[in-house]
Each structure stands twice: as structure tokens, then as C-alpha cells.
Amino acid sequence: MSQRRLPLASRFDRLGATASFLCAVHCAALPLVIATLPAIGLGFLANHRFERGFVAFASVLALTTLIVGFRRHHRFRAFWFLVPGILLLAAGMIVDFESSATAHAVLVAMGGTLVAVSHLTNLRLAHGHVHDAACEH
């Protein structure tokens, strides 16, 4: 039985979902482990420039893959998760980490989770399509 290769958009959705989920875990755990990161050589993960760059990359990747997915399945459902996810990530970037680490962690963890859910929703819409009487193709 031969394996079908996933389209590039699906690979990016899977990458985006995984990266967004890992970002959410990272952001939730960061306040607890921030002192240990430099000791194990991962101090760059606590760098605000790295975090802003990652959030920007994740947002552009998500928006791009969802637009490509929308062109295929013509449903906005994935954007229902993406838009609030990106807004929460942006709010988390605005919150001063030093003065309110908990608010920052909660905002970016929730935002990252919603971005991951948007990727999974997009995958489901693009590849979990059920053909029925309402199907137009």
C-alpha cells in the first residue's frame, strides 16, 4: 500500500499546529523555568526579541496556510480561532513581562493554543471533508 504525500499546505498546517502548541507550552512554563534556561544553554528562549520574532513568524505562517486552506474548502471556521489567537499573542507582546509575567504567560499561552487549534481546524476542513448531498463538486 503506497503512502500519499501530503500537500505542502498540509505540511505547513501540521508544522504550524505543532509550533503553536509548543509555543503555548513554552509561554506557560517560562515564568517557572526562566532562571534555569541559561544554565542549560537555552537562554535564547527567554529573549524577548526571539519571542517576538517567533510570534510574527507563527502569525504569518498561520494566516498564509489558512488563506490557502480557505481557497480549497471555502469555510471561515479556522479564522474564528486564528483571529482571537493572534490578538491574544499581540496583547501578550504588549504586556511588560518584567512587571506582569503571569498576564504575559496567560495571554501568549492562550493565543498560541488558539493558533494551534486554527491550524488543526484548517486541516480538518481541508482533508476531513465528507461528501454528501450538499457537496458541490
N, C-alpha and C. Protein backbone atom coordinates (compact mmCIF):
# COMPACT_ATOMS: atom_id res chain seq x y z
N MET A 1 0.84 -1.17 0.00
CA MET A 1 0.00 0.00 0.00
C MET A 1 0.89 1.24 0.00
N SER A 2 0.75 2.09 -0.97
CA SER A 2 1.61 3.27 -1.07
C SER A 2 1.05 4.40 -0.22
N GLN A 3 1.97 5.17 0.34
CA GLN A 3 1.58 6.33 1.13
C GLN A 3 1.45 7.54 0.25
N ARG A 4 0.37 8.29 0.44
CA ARG A 4 0.17 9.53 -0.29
C ARG A 4 0.94 10.63 0.39
N ARG A 5 1.64 11.44 -0.38
CA ARG A 5 2.36 12.58 0.19
C ARG A 5 1.38 13.70 0.47
N LEU A 6 1.57 14.33 1.62
CA LEU A 6 0.71 15.45 1.99
C LEU A 6 1.06 16.66 1.15
N PRO A 7 0.06 17.43 0.74
CA PRO A 7 0.34 18.69 0.04
C PRO A 7 1.14 19.62 0.95
N LEU A 8 1.86 20.53 0.34
CA LEU A 8 2.71 21.45 1.07
C LEU A 8 1.93 22.25 2.11
N ALA A 9 0.73 22.68 1.77
CA ALA A 9 -0.10 23.45 2.71
C ALA A 9 -0.42 22.62 3.95
N SER A 10 -0.67 21.33 3.78
CA SER A 10 -0.97 20.47 4.92
C SER A 10 0.25 20.30 5.81
N ARG A 11 1.40 20.18 5.19
CA ARG A 11 2.63 20.09 5.98
C ARG A 11 2.84 21.34 6.80
N PHE A 12 2.59 22.51 6.18
CA PHE A 12 2.75 23.77 6.90
C PHE A 12 1.72 23.88 8.02
N ASP A 13 0.49 23.40 7.79
CA ASP A 13 -0.52 23.42 8.85
C ASP A 13 -0.08 22.55 10.02
N ARG A 14 0.45 21.38 9.72
CA ARG A 14 0.93 20.48 10.79
C ARG A 14 2.10 21.10 11.53
N LEU A 15 3.02 21.70 10.78
CA LEU A 15 4.15 22.39 11.40
C LEU A 15 3.65 23.54 12.26
N GLY A 16 2.74 24.33 11.74
CA GLY A 16 2.19 25.46 12.48
C GLY A 16 1.45 25.03 13.73
N ALA A 17 0.67 23.97 13.65
CA ALA A 17 -0.06 23.48 14.82
C ALA A 17 0.91 23.01 15.89
N THR A 18 1.92 22.27 15.48
CA THR A 18 2.92 21.79 16.44
C THR A 18 3.69 22.94 17.06
N ALA A 19 4.15 23.86 16.23
CA ALA A 19 4.92 25.00 16.73
C ALA A 19 4.08 25.88 17.64
N SER A 20 2.82 26.11 17.29
CA SER A 20 1.95 26.94 18.11
C SER A 20 1.67 26.28 19.45
N PHE A 21 1.47 24.97 19.44
CA PHE A 21 1.25 24.25 20.69
C PHE A 21 2.50 24.31 21.57
N LEU A 22 3.66 24.08 20.96
CA LEU A 22 4.91 24.16 21.72
C LEU A 22 5.14 25.57 22.25
N CYS A 23 4.77 26.56 21.47
CA CYS A 23 4.87 27.96 21.91
C CYS A 23 3.98 28.19 23.13
N ALA A 24 2.76 27.66 23.10
CA ALA A 24 1.84 27.82 24.23
C ALA A 24 2.42 27.17 25.49
N VAL A 25 2.97 25.97 25.34
CA VAL A 25 3.58 25.29 26.48
C VAL A 25 4.78 26.09 26.98
N HIS A 26 5.61 26.55 26.05
CA HIS A 26 6.79 27.36 26.38
C HIS A 26 6.38 28.60 27.17
N CYS A 27 5.37 29.30 26.68
CA CYS A 27 4.95 30.55 27.33
C CYS A 27 4.34 30.30 28.70
N ALA A 28 3.61 29.20 28.85
CA ALA A 28 3.03 28.88 30.14
C ALA A 28 4.09 28.48 31.15
N ALA A 29 5.13 27.79 30.70
CA ALA A 29 6.17 27.30 31.60
C ALA A 29 7.29 28.30 31.84
N LEU A 30 7.43 29.27 30.95
CA LEU A 30 8.56 30.19 31.02
C LEU A 30 8.73 30.87 32.38
N PRO A 31 7.67 31.39 32.99
CA PRO A 31 7.88 32.04 34.29
C PRO A 31 8.44 31.09 35.35
N LEU A 32 8.17 29.81 35.21
CA LEU A 32 8.63 28.84 36.19
C LEU A 32 10.08 28.42 35.98
N VAL A 33 10.54 28.45 34.73
CA VAL A 33 11.87 27.91 34.43
C VAL A 33 12.86 28.96 33.92
N ILE A 34 12.49 30.22 33.96
CA ILE A 34 13.33 31.25 33.36
C ILE A 34 14.74 31.29 33.96
N ALA A 35 14.87 31.01 35.22
CA ALA A 35 16.20 31.05 35.87
C ALA A 35 17.08 29.89 35.44
N THR A 36 16.50 28.78 35.03
CA THR A 36 17.30 27.61 34.67
C THR A 36 17.72 27.57 33.20
N LEU A 37 17.06 28.33 32.35
CA LEU A 37 17.35 28.27 30.92
C LEU A 37 18.81 28.59 30.57
N PRO A 38 19.40 29.67 31.10
CA PRO A 38 20.81 29.94 30.76
C PRO A 38 21.75 28.83 31.22
N ALA A 39 21.42 28.20 32.34
CA ALA A 39 22.28 27.14 32.87
C ALA A 39 22.33 25.92 31.97
N ILE A 40 21.28 25.70 31.21
CA ILE A 40 21.26 24.53 30.31
C ILE A 40 21.44 24.93 28.84
N GLY A 41 21.88 26.17 28.63
CA GLY A 41 22.19 26.63 27.27
C GLY A 41 20.99 27.04 26.43
N LEU A 42 19.87 27.29 27.06
CA LEU A 42 18.67 27.66 26.32
C LEU A 42 18.18 29.07 26.69
N GLY A 43 19.10 29.92 27.08
CA GLY A 43 18.76 31.28 27.47
C GLY A 43 18.07 32.07 26.37
N PHE A 44 18.37 31.75 25.11
CA PHE A 44 17.74 32.48 23.99
C PHE A 44 16.23 32.32 23.99
N LEU A 45 15.69 31.25 24.59
CA LEU A 45 14.25 31.04 24.63
C LEU A 45 13.53 32.07 25.50
N ALA A 46 14.27 32.72 26.39
CA ALA A 46 13.69 33.75 27.26
C ALA A 46 13.91 35.15 26.68
N ASN A 47 14.52 35.23 25.52
CA ASN A 47 14.82 36.51 24.89
C ASN A 47 13.55 37.08 24.25
N HIS A 48 13.24 38.32 24.56
CA HIS A 48 12.02 38.93 24.04
C HIS A 48 12.07 39.12 22.53
N ARG A 49 13.23 39.38 21.98
CA ARG A 49 13.34 39.52 20.52
C ARG A 49 13.05 38.19 19.83
N PHE A 50 13.57 37.11 20.39
CA PHE A 50 13.29 35.78 19.86
C PHE A 50 11.79 35.50 19.91
N GLU A 51 11.18 35.81 21.04
CA GLU A 51 9.76 35.56 21.21
C GLU A 51 8.93 36.38 20.22
N ARG A 52 9.25 37.64 20.06
CA ARG A 52 8.52 38.49 19.10
C ARG A 52 8.69 37.97 17.68
N GLY A 53 9.90 37.57 17.34
CA GLY A 53 10.15 37.00 16.01
C GLY A 53 9.37 35.73 15.78
N PHE A 54 9.33 34.88 16.81
CA PHE A 54 8.58 33.63 16.69
C PHE A 54 7.09 33.89 16.54
N VAL A 55 6.56 34.83 17.32
CA VAL A 55 5.14 35.17 17.23
C VAL A 55 4.82 35.73 15.84
N ALA A 56 5.69 36.59 15.32
CA ALA A 56 5.47 37.14 13.97
C ALA A 56 5.49 36.03 12.93
N PHE A 57 6.49 35.14 13.01
CA PHE A 57 6.59 34.03 12.07
C PHE A 57 5.36 33.13 12.16
N ALA A 58 4.95 32.78 13.39
CA ALA A 58 3.79 31.90 13.57
C ALA A 58 2.52 32.54 13.04
N SER A 59 2.38 33.84 13.22
CA SER A 59 1.19 34.55 12.74
C SER A 59 1.14 34.58 11.22
N VAL A 60 2.26 34.86 10.59
CA VAL A 60 2.31 34.89 9.12
C VAL A 60 2.09 33.48 8.55
N LEU A 61 2.72 32.48 9.15
CA LEU A 61 2.54 31.10 8.70
C LEU A 61 1.07 30.70 8.82
N ALA A 62 0.45 31.00 9.95
CA ALA A 62 -0.95 30.63 10.16
C ALA A 62 -1.86 31.34 9.17
N LEU A 63 -1.67 32.62 9.02
CA LEU A 63 -2.51 33.38 8.09
C LEU A 63 -2.36 32.85 6.66
N THR A 64 -1.14 32.56 6.25
CA THR A 64 -0.89 32.05 4.90
C THR A 64 -1.54 30.69 4.70
N THR A 65 -1.34 29.77 5.64
CA THR A 65 -1.90 28.42 5.46
C THR A 65 -3.42 28.45 5.53
N LEU A 66 -3.98 29.33 6.35
CA LEU A 66 -5.44 29.40 6.42
C LEU A 66 -6.04 30.01 5.16
N ILE A 67 -5.36 30.96 4.56
CA ILE A 67 -5.84 31.52 3.29
C ILE A 67 -5.79 30.45 2.20
N VAL A 68 -4.69 29.70 2.14
CA VAL A 68 -4.59 28.62 1.16
C VAL A 68 -5.69 27.59 1.41
N GLY A 69 -5.91 27.24 2.68
CA GLY A 69 -6.97 26.29 3.03
C GLY A 69 -8.34 26.81 2.66
N PHE A 70 -8.58 28.10 2.93
CA PHE A 70 -9.87 28.70 2.60
C PHE A 70 -10.16 28.61 1.11
N ARG A 71 -9.15 28.79 0.31
CA ARG A 71 -9.33 28.69 -1.15
C ARG A 71 -9.77 27.30 -1.55
N ARG A 72 -9.42 26.32 -0.73
CA ARG A 72 -9.79 24.94 -1.04
C ARG A 72 -11.17 24.58 -0.47
N HIS A 73 -11.41 24.91 0.80
CA HIS A 73 -12.65 24.46 1.44
C HIS A 73 -13.72 25.55 1.58
N HIS A 74 -13.38 26.82 1.36
CA HIS A 74 -14.32 27.94 1.36
C HIS A 74 -15.10 28.09 2.67
N ARG A 75 -14.47 27.82 3.79
CA ARG A 75 -15.11 27.98 5.10
C ARG A 75 -14.23 28.84 6.00
N PHE A 76 -14.87 29.71 6.77
CA PHE A 76 -14.16 30.65 7.64
C PHE A 76 -13.87 30.09 9.04
N ARG A 77 -14.35 28.91 9.34
CA ARG A 77 -14.28 28.37 10.71
C ARG A 77 -12.89 28.46 11.32
N ALA A 78 -11.84 28.18 10.59
CA ALA A 78 -10.49 28.22 11.14
C ALA A 78 -10.09 29.63 11.55
N PHE A 79 -10.61 30.62 10.83
CA PHE A 79 -10.30 32.02 11.18
C PHE A 79 -10.95 32.42 12.50
N TRP A 80 -12.03 31.75 12.91
CA TRP A 80 -12.67 32.04 14.19
C TRP A 80 -11.70 31.81 15.35
N PHE A 81 -10.75 30.90 15.17
CA PHE A 81 -9.74 30.64 16.20
C PHE A 81 -8.48 31.47 15.97
N LEU A 82 -8.15 31.69 14.70
CA LEU A 82 -6.92 32.40 14.38
C LEU A 82 -6.95 33.86 14.82
N VAL A 83 -8.02 34.56 14.50
CA VAL A 83 -8.08 36.00 14.80
C VAL A 83 -7.94 36.27 16.30
N PRO A 84 -8.74 35.63 17.16
CA PRO A 84 -8.53 35.89 18.59
C PRO A 84 -7.16 35.39 19.07
N GLY A 85 -6.65 34.31 18.46
CA GLY A 85 -5.33 33.81 18.83
C GLY A 85 -4.24 34.83 18.56
N ILE A 86 -4.26 35.43 17.38
CA ILE A 86 -3.26 36.44 17.04
C ILE A 86 -3.44 37.68 17.91
N LEU A 87 -4.68 38.07 18.20
CA LEU A 87 -4.92 39.22 19.07
C LEU A 87 -4.39 38.97 20.48
N LEU A 88 -4.58 37.76 20.99
CA LEU A 88 -4.05 37.42 22.31
C LEU A 88 -2.52 37.41 22.31
N LEU A 89 -1.93 36.87 21.24
CA LEU A 89 -0.47 36.89 21.14
C LEU A 89 0.06 38.32 21.11
N ALA A 90 -0.62 39.18 20.34
CA ALA A 90 -0.21 40.58 20.27
C ALA A 90 -0.36 41.26 21.63
N ALA A 91 -1.45 40.99 22.31
CA ALA A 91 -1.65 41.56 23.65
C ALA A 91 -0.57 41.07 24.60
N GLY A 92 -0.19 39.81 24.48
CA GLY A 92 0.89 39.27 25.31
C GLY A 92 2.22 39.92 25.03
N MET A 93 2.45 40.33 23.78
CA MET A 93 3.70 41.01 23.43
C MET A 93 3.72 42.44 24.00
N ILE A 94 2.53 43.02 24.12
CA ILE A 94 2.43 44.40 24.63
C ILE A 94 2.63 44.44 26.15
N VAL A 95 2.12 43.40 26.85
CA VAL A 95 2.25 43.35 28.30
C VAL A 95 3.72 43.27 28.68
N ASP A 96 4.12 44.09 29.61
CA ASP A 96 5.51 44.10 30.08
C ASP A 96 5.78 42.83 30.88
N PHE A 97 6.68 42.00 30.38
CA PHE A 97 6.98 40.72 31.00
C PHE A 97 7.52 40.88 32.42
N GLU A 98 8.38 41.87 32.63
CA GLU A 98 9.00 42.04 33.94
C GLU A 98 7.99 42.45 35.01
N SER A 99 7.02 43.27 34.66
CA SER A 99 6.06 43.73 35.66
C SER A 99 4.86 42.79 35.81
N SER A 100 4.56 42.02 34.79
CA SER A 100 3.40 41.12 34.86
C SER A 100 3.66 39.84 34.07
N ALA A 101 4.54 39.02 34.60
CA ALA A 101 4.90 37.77 33.93
C ALA A 101 3.71 36.83 33.80
N THR A 102 2.84 36.81 34.79
CA THR A 102 1.68 35.92 34.74
C THR A 102 0.72 36.32 33.63
N ALA A 103 0.40 37.61 33.54
CA ALA A 103 -0.50 38.07 32.48
C ALA A 103 0.09 37.78 31.11
N HIS A 104 1.39 38.05 30.96
CA HIS A 104 2.08 37.76 29.70
C HIS A 104 1.95 36.28 29.36
N ALA A 105 2.27 35.41 30.33
CA ALA A 105 2.24 33.97 30.10
C ALA A 105 0.84 33.49 29.73
N VAL A 106 -0.18 33.97 30.43
CA VAL A 106 -1.55 33.55 30.16
C VAL A 106 -1.99 34.00 28.77
N LEU A 107 -1.72 35.25 28.42
CA LEU A 107 -2.12 35.77 27.11
C LEU A 107 -1.47 35.01 25.96
N VAL A 108 -0.15 34.82 26.03
CA VAL A 108 0.52 34.17 24.90
C VAL A 108 0.25 32.67 24.88
N ALA A 109 0.04 32.05 26.05
CA ALA A 109 -0.30 30.62 26.07
C ALA A 109 -1.68 30.40 25.44
N MET A 110 -2.64 31.25 25.80
CA MET A 110 -3.98 31.13 25.21
C MET A 110 -3.93 31.44 23.72
N GLY A 111 -3.19 32.48 23.34
CA GLY A 111 -3.08 32.83 21.93
C GLY A 111 -2.43 31.72 21.12
N GLY A 112 -1.34 31.16 21.63
CA GLY A 112 -0.66 30.05 20.94
C GLY A 112 -1.55 28.84 20.80
N THR A 113 -2.33 28.56 21.83
CA THR A 113 -3.26 27.43 21.76
C THR A 113 -4.33 27.65 20.69
N LEU A 114 -4.87 28.87 20.63
CA LEU A 114 -5.88 29.16 19.61
C LEU A 114 -5.31 29.11 18.20
N VAL A 115 -4.08 29.56 18.02
CA VAL A 115 -3.44 29.47 16.70
C VAL A 115 -3.26 28.00 16.32
N ALA A 116 -2.85 27.17 17.29
CA ALA A 116 -2.72 25.73 17.02
C ALA A 116 -4.06 25.13 16.64
N VAL A 117 -5.11 25.50 17.35
CA VAL A 117 -6.45 24.99 17.05
C VAL A 117 -6.89 25.45 15.65
N SER A 118 -6.52 26.67 15.26
CA SER A 118 -6.89 27.14 13.92
C SER A 118 -6.23 26.28 12.84
N HIS A 119 -4.97 25.90 13.06
CA HIS A 119 -4.29 25.02 12.09
C HIS A 119 -4.99 23.66 12.03
N LEU A 120 -5.32 23.10 13.18
CA LEU A 120 -5.98 21.79 13.20
C LEU A 120 -7.36 21.86 12.55
N THR A 121 -8.06 22.95 12.80
CA THR A 121 -9.37 23.14 12.17
C THR A 121 -9.22 23.24 10.65
N ASN A 122 -8.22 23.98 10.21
CA ASN A 122 -7.97 24.12 8.78
C ASN A 122 -7.64 22.77 8.15
N LEU A 123 -6.83 21.96 8.83
CA LEU A 123 -6.52 20.62 8.32
C LEU A 123 -7.79 19.78 8.21
N ARG A 124 -8.60 19.85 9.23
CA ARG A 124 -9.84 19.06 9.24
C ARG A 124 -10.77 19.50 8.10
N LEU A 125 -10.88 20.79 7.90
CA LEU A 125 -11.74 21.30 6.83
C LEU A 125 -11.19 20.91 5.45
N ALA A 126 -9.88 20.94 5.30
CA ALA A 126 -9.28 20.67 4.00
C ALA A 126 -9.23 19.17 3.68
N HIS A 127 -9.04 18.35 4.70
CA HIS A 127 -8.83 16.92 4.43
C HIS A 127 -9.86 16.00 5.07
N GLY A 128 -10.70 16.55 5.90
CA GLY A 128 -11.72 15.73 6.53
C GLY A 128 -13.08 15.92 5.90
N HIS A 129 -13.07 16.46 4.71
CA HIS A 129 -14.32 16.76 4.01
C HIS A 129 -15.12 15.50 3.79
N VAL A 130 -16.38 15.54 4.16
CA VAL A 130 -17.28 14.41 3.94
C VAL A 130 -18.17 14.75 2.76
N HIS A 131 -18.18 13.88 1.79
CA HIS A 131 -19.02 14.10 0.61
C HIS A 131 -20.44 13.64 0.91
N ASP A 132 -21.37 14.56 0.74
CA ASP A 132 -22.77 14.24 0.95
C ASP A 132 -23.62 14.95 -0.09
N ALA A 133 -24.93 14.96 0.10
CA ALA A 133 -25.84 15.56 -0.88
C ALA A 133 -25.61 17.06 -1.05
N ALA A 134 -25.09 17.72 -0.03
CA ALA A 134 -24.86 19.17 -0.09
C ALA A 134 -23.53 19.51 -0.77
N CYS A 135 -22.74 18.51 -1.07
CA CYS A 135 -21.42 18.73 -1.66
C CYS A 135 -21.58 19.27 -3.08
N GLU A 136 -20.82 20.31 -3.38
CA GLU A 136 -20.98 20.98 -4.68
C GLU A 136 -19.99 20.51 -5.75
N HIS A 137 -19.20 19.52 -5.47
CA HIS A 137 -18.26 19.06 -6.51
C HIS A 137 -18.37 17.58 -6.76
